[in-house]
Protein backbone atom coordinates (compact mmCIF):
# COMPACT_ATOMS: atom_id res chain seq x y z
CA MET A 1 29.28 -18.29 -7.76
CA LYS A 2 27.72 -17.99 -11.26
CA TYR A 3 29.19 -16.18 -14.23
CA ALA A 4 27.56 -14.96 -17.41
CA ARG A 5 29.37 -15.66 -20.68
CA VAL A 6 29.87 -12.63 -22.94
CA SER A 7 31.34 -12.64 -26.46
CA PHE A 8 32.72 -9.35 -27.81
CA MET A 9 34.81 -7.90 -30.66
CA LEU A 10 37.17 -4.93 -30.82
CA VAL A 11 36.56 -2.67 -33.83
CA VAL A 12 38.69 0.28 -35.00
CA MET A 13 36.75 3.02 -36.79
CA GLY A 14 38.01 6.50 -37.61
CA GLY A 15 40.99 6.05 -35.35
CA MET A 16 38.74 5.12 -32.40
CA LEU A 17 38.60 1.73 -30.67
CA TYR A 18 35.09 0.34 -30.00
CA LEU A 19 34.02 -2.69 -27.96
CA THR A 20 31.07 -4.50 -29.56
CA ILE A 21 29.13 -7.19 -27.65
CA LEU A 22 28.26 -10.12 -29.93
CA SER A 23 26.30 -12.30 -27.50
CA PHE A 24 25.32 -12.64 -23.87
CA ASN A 25 24.43 -15.96 -22.25
CA GLU A 26 22.73 -16.35 -18.90
CA PRO A 27 24.73 -18.23 -16.25
CA TYR A 28 23.95 -21.94 -15.96
CA LYS A 29 21.53 -22.71 -13.13
CA GLN A 30 23.07 -25.12 -10.63
CA TYR A 31 21.17 -27.83 -8.78
CA GLY A 32 19.36 -26.63 -5.67
CA GLU A 33 19.00 -22.97 -6.62
CA GLU A 34 15.57 -21.46 -6.08
CA ASP A 35 13.54 -19.73 -8.77
CA ALA A 36 12.96 -16.03 -8.51
CA ALA A 37 9.32 -15.17 -7.93
CA VAL A 38 8.44 -14.28 -11.53
CA VAL A 39 5.61 -11.80 -11.21
CA ASP A 40 2.93 -11.12 -13.83
CA SER A 41 0.94 -8.85 -11.49
CA PRO A 42 1.64 -7.35 -8.03
CA GLN A 43 0.03 -10.38 -6.33
CA LYS A 44 0.56 -13.27 -8.75
CA VAL A 45 3.60 -15.46 -9.39
CA ILE A 46 3.87 -17.83 -12.33
CA PRO A 47 4.21 -21.31 -10.79
CA LYS A 48 6.27 -24.06 -12.39
CA ALA A 49 5.45 -27.75 -12.41
CA ARG A 50 8.47 -29.93 -11.65
CA ILE A 51 9.35 -33.58 -12.22
CA ASP A 52 12.47 -35.14 -10.71
CA VAL A 53 13.80 -38.33 -12.31
CA THR A 54 16.35 -40.33 -10.33
CA ALA A 55 18.21 -43.57 -10.95
CA GLU A 56 17.62 -45.43 -7.69
CA GLY A 57 20.90 -45.87 -5.86
CA ALA A 58 22.61 -43.94 -8.69
CA LEU A 59 23.22 -47.35 -10.27
CA PHE A 60 22.85 -46.29 -13.91
CA GLU A 61 23.16 -43.24 -16.11
CA LEU A 62 20.34 -41.46 -17.93
CA LEU A 63 21.66 -41.43 -21.49
CA ASP A 64 20.27 -39.13 -24.21
CA LEU A 65 18.29 -37.21 -21.59
CA GLU A 66 15.85 -34.73 -23.15
CA ALA A 67 12.88 -32.71 -21.94
CA TYR A 68 10.44 -30.97 -24.23
CA GLY A 69 6.83 -29.98 -24.74
CA VAL A 70 6.29 -26.43 -23.49
CA SER A 71 8.83 -23.62 -23.95
CA GLY A 72 10.74 -22.48 -20.88
CA ILE A 73 12.02 -25.89 -19.78
CA ILE A 74 14.86 -25.90 -17.27
CA LEU A 75 17.00 -29.03 -17.12
CA GLU A 76 19.26 -29.11 -14.07
CA ARG A 77 22.02 -31.46 -13.05
CA GLU A 78 23.77 -31.91 -9.75
CA PRO A 79 27.24 -30.34 -9.55
CA ASN A 80 30.20 -32.65 -10.18
CA GLN A 81 28.04 -35.33 -11.81
CA PRO A 82 29.53 -37.55 -14.52
CA ALA A 83 29.04 -36.45 -18.12
CA GLU A 84 25.82 -38.47 -18.20
CA PRO A 85 23.51 -37.68 -15.26
CA ARG A 86 21.89 -40.09 -12.85
CA PHE A 87 19.48 -37.42 -11.60
CA ALA A 88 17.69 -34.53 -13.32
CA ILE A 89 15.03 -31.89 -12.68
CA VAL A 90 12.60 -30.69 -15.32
CA LYS A 91 10.47 -27.58 -14.71
CA GLN A 92 7.93 -25.89 -16.93
CA PRO A 93 5.78 -22.78 -16.39
CA ALA A 94 2.16 -23.65 -15.67
CA SER A 95 -1.13 -21.96 -16.53
CA ALA A 96 -4.81 -22.68 -16.00
CA ASP A 97 -4.77 -24.84 -19.14
CA TRP A 98 -3.55 -28.43 -19.14
CA LYS A 99 -0.10 -28.82 -20.72
CA ALA A 100 2.12 -31.85 -21.24
CA MET A 101 5.58 -32.30 -19.76
CA ILE A 102 7.64 -34.93 -21.60
CA ILE A 103 10.97 -36.44 -20.54
CA SER A 104 12.87 -39.04 -22.57
CA PHE A 105 16.01 -40.99 -21.64
CA THR A 106 17.82 -44.30 -22.14
CA PRO A 107 19.14 -46.14 -19.03
CA SER A 108 22.73 -47.32 -19.31
CA ASP A 109 21.79 -50.39 -17.23
CA SER A 110 18.67 -52.11 -15.96
CA GLY A 111 17.34 -50.89 -12.63
CA TYR A 112 14.67 -48.70 -11.07
CA LEU A 113 13.76 -45.08 -11.76
CA ARG A 114 12.03 -42.81 -9.24
CA ILE A 115 9.54 -40.30 -10.63
CA ARG A 116 8.69 -37.41 -8.29
CA LEU A 117 5.88 -34.92 -8.95
CA ARG A 118 6.16 -31.57 -7.19
CA GLY A 119 6.23 -27.81 -7.66
CA ALA A 120 9.30 -25.62 -8.11
CA TYR A 121 11.09 -24.03 -5.16
CA TYR A 122 10.72 -20.24 -4.91
CA ASP A 123 12.38 -17.71 -2.67
CA ASP A 124 9.01 -16.85 -1.08
CA ILE A 125 8.02 -20.49 -0.51
CA GLU A 126 7.30 -19.93 3.19
CA ARG A 127 4.48 -17.53 2.29
CA ASN A 128 3.27 -18.98 -1.01
CA HIS A 129 3.29 -22.63 -2.08
CA HIS A 130 2.82 -21.94 -5.81
CA SER A 131 0.90 -25.21 -6.06
CA VAL A 132 0.34 -27.16 -9.28
CA VAL A 133 -1.97 -30.02 -10.27
CA PHE A 134 -0.88 -33.21 -12.06
CA ASP A 135 -2.95 -35.81 -13.88
CA ASP A 136 -2.54 -38.64 -16.40
CA VAL A 137 1.08 -39.63 -15.77
CA ALA A 138 2.35 -42.40 -18.04
CA VAL A 139 5.35 -43.91 -19.77
CA CYS A 140 4.48 -43.82 -23.46
CA SER A 141 3.93 -47.27 -25.05
CA GLU A 142 4.67 -48.94 -21.71
CA ASP A 143 2.36 -50.04 -18.89
CA LEU A 144 4.81 -49.05 -16.13
CA VAL A 145 3.19 -46.22 -14.14
CA ARG A 146 0.54 -47.59 -11.82
CA ASN A 147 -2.56 -45.47 -11.18
CA GLY A 148 -1.23 -42.62 -13.30
CA SER A 149 -4.74 -41.18 -13.54
CA PHE A 150 -5.01 -41.17 -9.70
CA GLU A 151 -8.51 -42.65 -9.92
CA THR A 152 -7.76 -45.49 -7.50
CA GLU A 153 -7.79 -44.53 -3.83
CA GLU A 154 -6.38 -46.23 -0.76
CA ASN A 155 -6.80 -44.76 2.75
CA GLY A 156 -7.64 -41.33 1.37
CA LYS A 157 -4.56 -41.21 -0.90
CA PRO A 158 -3.86 -42.21 -4.50
CA SER A 159 -2.84 -45.86 -4.42
CA ASP A 160 0.59 -46.95 -5.71
CA TRP A 161 2.12 -43.53 -4.97
CA GLU A 162 4.41 -42.69 -2.05
CA GLY A 163 4.46 -39.41 -0.14
CA ASP A 164 1.77 -36.89 0.71
CA CYS A 165 0.26 -34.55 -1.85
CA GLU A 166 -1.14 -31.20 -0.75
CA ALA A 167 -4.63 -32.20 -1.93
CA TYR A 168 -6.13 -35.34 -3.44
CA ILE A 169 -8.65 -33.79 -5.81
CA ASN A 170 -12.06 -35.40 -6.36
CA ASP A 171 -13.66 -33.02 -8.84
CA THR A 172 -14.40 -33.65 -12.50
CA ALA A 173 -14.04 -29.93 -13.24
CA ARG A 174 -10.46 -29.88 -11.89
CA ALA A 175 -9.24 -33.25 -13.20
CA ARG A 176 -8.08 -33.65 -16.79
CA THR A 177 -9.79 -37.03 -17.12
CA GLY A 178 -12.08 -38.81 -14.68
CA ASP A 179 -12.63 -37.30 -11.24
CA ARG A 180 -9.19 -37.44 -9.66
CA ALA A 181 -5.95 -35.46 -9.79
CA VAL A 182 -3.23 -34.47 -7.30
CA GLN A 183 -2.22 -31.03 -6.08
CA VAL A 184 1.43 -30.68 -5.02
CA TRP A 185 4.02 -28.06 -4.18
CA HIS A 186 7.74 -28.22 -3.48
CA ASP A 187 7.52 -29.66 0.04
CA GLN A 188 4.46 -31.88 -0.49
CA PHE A 189 5.07 -34.27 -3.37
CA ILE A 190 4.44 -37.85 -4.47
CA ASP A 191 6.75 -40.53 -5.88
CA GLN A 192 6.59 -43.76 -7.79
CA VAL A 193 9.38 -46.18 -8.67
CA ILE A 194 9.26 -48.02 -12.00
CA PRO A 195 11.53 -50.71 -13.49
CA VAL A 196 13.61 -49.82 -16.55
CA ALA A 197 15.68 -51.96 -18.90
CA GLU A 198 19.19 -51.40 -20.18
CA LYS A 199 19.59 -49.38 -23.40
CA LYS A 200 15.83 -49.02 -23.94
CA THR A 201 14.45 -45.54 -24.57
CA TYR A 202 11.60 -44.38 -22.33
CA MET A 203 9.33 -41.36 -22.59
CA ILE A 204 7.54 -40.08 -19.48
CA LYS A 205 4.51 -37.88 -20.11
CA ALA A 206 2.51 -35.99 -17.48
CA TYR A 207 -0.14 -33.28 -17.68
CA PHE A 208 -0.09 -30.28 -15.34
CA LYS A 209 -1.70 -26.91 -14.65
CA THR A 210 -1.83 -24.30 -11.91
CA ALA A 211 -3.89 -25.01 -8.80
CA ASP A 212 -5.46 -21.55 -8.58
CA GLU A 213 -7.15 -21.75 -12.02
CA THR A 214 -5.69 -18.34 -12.95
CA ASN A 215 -4.35 -18.22 -16.49
CA HIS A 216 -0.81 -16.78 -16.47
CA ASN A 217 -0.28 -16.94 -20.24
């Protein structure tokens, strides 16, 4: 169950007692909860791009975890995690324009980090996939992500990535750079595992937009 946090003050004026609300905070979103279908027209829903970052085997913590770039970021953590998470979700609203999603963290120990590209989960997911497109995925100042531009193909899929994307795009008009990009949604996603070193700060950067080319701004 979720609870909203409300701050209030009792004020006495003219012999009357008044209750004044000072602030109202939305309840904290727990891991695994779906997004409401945020509608900007009777038929359209604003999709969100999503990146999951996971310490493989939960063997290290993600210290100083931050996500920034576009407003409306949601950072989720699994319930009952330690103070420093080993897993996090970052979601940002998408539009027809390319935007950057940036995640920074410092591993508490050396190990491997799994990066997963997907779309957000919505309560109408069985009818609408709310697909998004990713391109140009990289770790800033580090040559760790392989085939982050998705230009290299192997057996009809982007090489060096695990999983199955909804569509492997081959269209200069739809890719941010080059000819290739990937279209994903919540249940069709791709992963890559990269090595990380203890107490070194990393910054993951990926570009995303909606798949339907409709601008929801």
